[in-house]
Amino acid sequence: MTLHNFDALYSRYPDVIDQMPASFNSHEFILRLAQQNQTLYIEALFSYRNRVPQTPFRTVHGILAKHLHSYPDLVREVESETSPDIFGNPNQCSRWEKVQTSA
C-alpha cells in the first residue's frame, strides 16, 4: 500500500514519455517528470518524509519507475544499467525503449 495517491503524476506519463528520446532510463524519465510537475512531485516526497527507513527519494522514485510498466503500448523495458541517481550516486535502473507504432 502506498502512502500517497500518485494518480496525478501517473496521468502525466504519456506526455513525458512522448518527450523522451527513443531510448532512456528510469532516472532520466523521473527527472523530467519531476521538473515538469514539481508541486506534484514534492507532495509525493512529503508523504514519505516520516517513513522508516527515511529514504523518501528512493521510495518515491521506485514507485514512479515501476509504474512505467503500466504503459506497454508506449515503452518496453530492455535492460538494467548503472546510472547516477538524483544525488549523483551510481545506482541500478531500467533502460526503456519507446514502442514503435505502425502509422
Protein backbone atom coordinates (compact mmCIF):
# COMPACT_ATOMS: atom_id res chain seq x y z
CA MET A 1 0.00 0.00 0.00
CA THR A 2 1.29 3.44 -0.89
CA LEU A 3 1.12 6.46 1.42
CA HIS A 4 0.26 8.78 -1.46
CA ASN A 5 -2.15 8.84 -4.37
CA PHE A 6 0.13 9.04 -7.40
CA ASP A 7 -2.69 9.30 -9.97
CA ALA A 8 -1.99 12.96 -10.79
CA LEU A 9 1.65 12.17 -11.57
CA TYR A 10 0.75 8.96 -13.40
CA SER A 11 -1.60 10.92 -15.66
CA ARG A 12 1.45 12.87 -16.91
CA TYR A 13 3.33 9.75 -18.05
CA PRO A 14 2.14 9.63 -21.68
CA ASP A 15 3.15 13.26 -22.31
CA VAL A 16 6.54 12.84 -20.65
CA ILE A 17 7.20 9.56 -22.48
CA ASP A 18 6.40 11.34 -25.73
CA GLN A 19 9.10 13.93 -24.95
CA MET A 20 11.77 11.35 -24.19
CA PRO A 21 14.28 10.10 -26.78
CA ALA A 22 13.79 6.67 -28.36
CA SER A 23 15.82 5.11 -25.52
CA PHE A 24 16.01 6.45 -21.97
CA ASN A 25 16.48 5.21 -18.44
CA SER A 26 14.24 5.46 -15.39
CA HIS A 27 16.40 8.17 -13.80
CA GLU A 28 16.13 10.37 -16.90
CA PHE A 29 12.37 9.86 -17.02
CA ILE A 30 11.84 10.66 -13.33
CA LEU A 31 13.99 13.79 -13.60
CA ARG A 32 11.89 15.12 -16.49
CA LEU A 33 8.64 14.15 -14.78
CA ALA A 34 9.75 15.93 -11.59
CA GLN A 35 10.97 19.04 -13.43
CA GLN A 36 7.66 19.48 -15.22
CA ASN A 37 5.44 18.61 -12.24
CA GLN A 38 7.35 19.99 -9.29
CA THR A 39 4.42 20.53 -6.93
CA LEU A 40 3.01 17.04 -7.51
CA TYR A 41 6.49 15.54 -7.11
CA ILE A 42 7.15 17.40 -3.85
CA GLU A 43 3.76 16.32 -2.50
CA ALA A 44 4.67 12.69 -3.18
CA LEU A 45 8.04 13.07 -1.45
CA PHE A 46 6.40 14.82 1.51
CA SER A 47 4.05 11.88 2.00
CA TYR A 48 7.08 9.64 2.64
CA ARG A 49 9.01 12.04 4.87
CA ASN A 50 8.48 10.04 8.09
CA ARG A 51 8.67 6.53 6.70
CA VAL A 52 11.41 4.30 8.07
CA PRO A 53 13.93 3.99 6.60
CA GLN A 54 13.99 7.69 5.81
CA THR A 55 14.60 7.44 2.09
CA PRO A 56 11.72 9.35 0.51
CA PHE A 57 13.55 9.91 -2.78
CA ARG A 58 14.45 6.24 -3.21
CA THR A 59 10.95 5.10 -2.22
CA VAL A 60 9.09 7.55 -4.47
CA HIS A 61 11.47 7.01 -7.38
CA GLY A 62 11.00 3.25 -7.09
CA ILE A 63 7.22 3.65 -7.25
CA LEU A 64 7.46 6.02 -10.22
CA ALA A 65 9.91 3.78 -12.10
CA LYS A 66 7.81 0.64 -11.61
CA HIS A 67 4.74 2.43 -12.98
CA LEU A 68 6.39 2.69 -16.42
CA HIS A 69 5.40 -0.99 -16.78
CA SER A 70 1.79 0.23 -16.95
CA TYR A 71 2.39 1.63 -20.47
CA PRO A 72 3.35 -1.44 -22.58
CA ASP A 73 1.89 0.22 -25.67
CA LEU A 74 4.31 3.16 -25.21
CA VAL A 75 7.52 1.70 -23.73
CA ARG A 76 9.25 -1.58 -23.05
CA GLU A 77 12.00 -2.38 -20.58
CA VAL A 78 15.13 -3.59 -22.35
CA GLU A 79 17.85 -3.93 -19.72
CA SER A 80 19.21 -2.83 -16.38
CA GLU A 81 22.06 -0.36 -16.19
CA THR A 82 24.03 1.73 -13.74
CA SER A 83 23.16 5.41 -13.82
CA PRO A 84 23.69 8.31 -11.41
CA ASP A 85 20.64 8.88 -9.24
CA ILE A 86 19.29 12.32 -8.33
CA PHE A 87 22.17 12.73 -5.85
CA GLY A 88 24.84 11.68 -8.36
CA ASN A 89 25.38 8.27 -6.77
CA PRO A 90 25.67 5.25 -9.08
CA ASN A 91 22.51 3.16 -8.85
CA GLN A 92 20.75 0.47 -10.87
CA CYS A 93 17.79 1.43 -13.02
CA SER A 94 15.97 0.19 -16.10
CA ARG A 95 16.56 1.27 -19.67
CA TRP A 96 13.39 1.73 -21.72
CA GLU A 97 12.69 1.96 -25.43
CA LYS A 98 9.69 3.58 -26.98
CA VAL A 99 7.40 1.13 -28.73
CA GLN A 100 7.30 1.70 -32.46
CA THR A 101 3.78 2.15 -33.76
CA SER A 102 2.65 1.49 -37.29
CA ALA A 103 1.47 4.64 -38.95
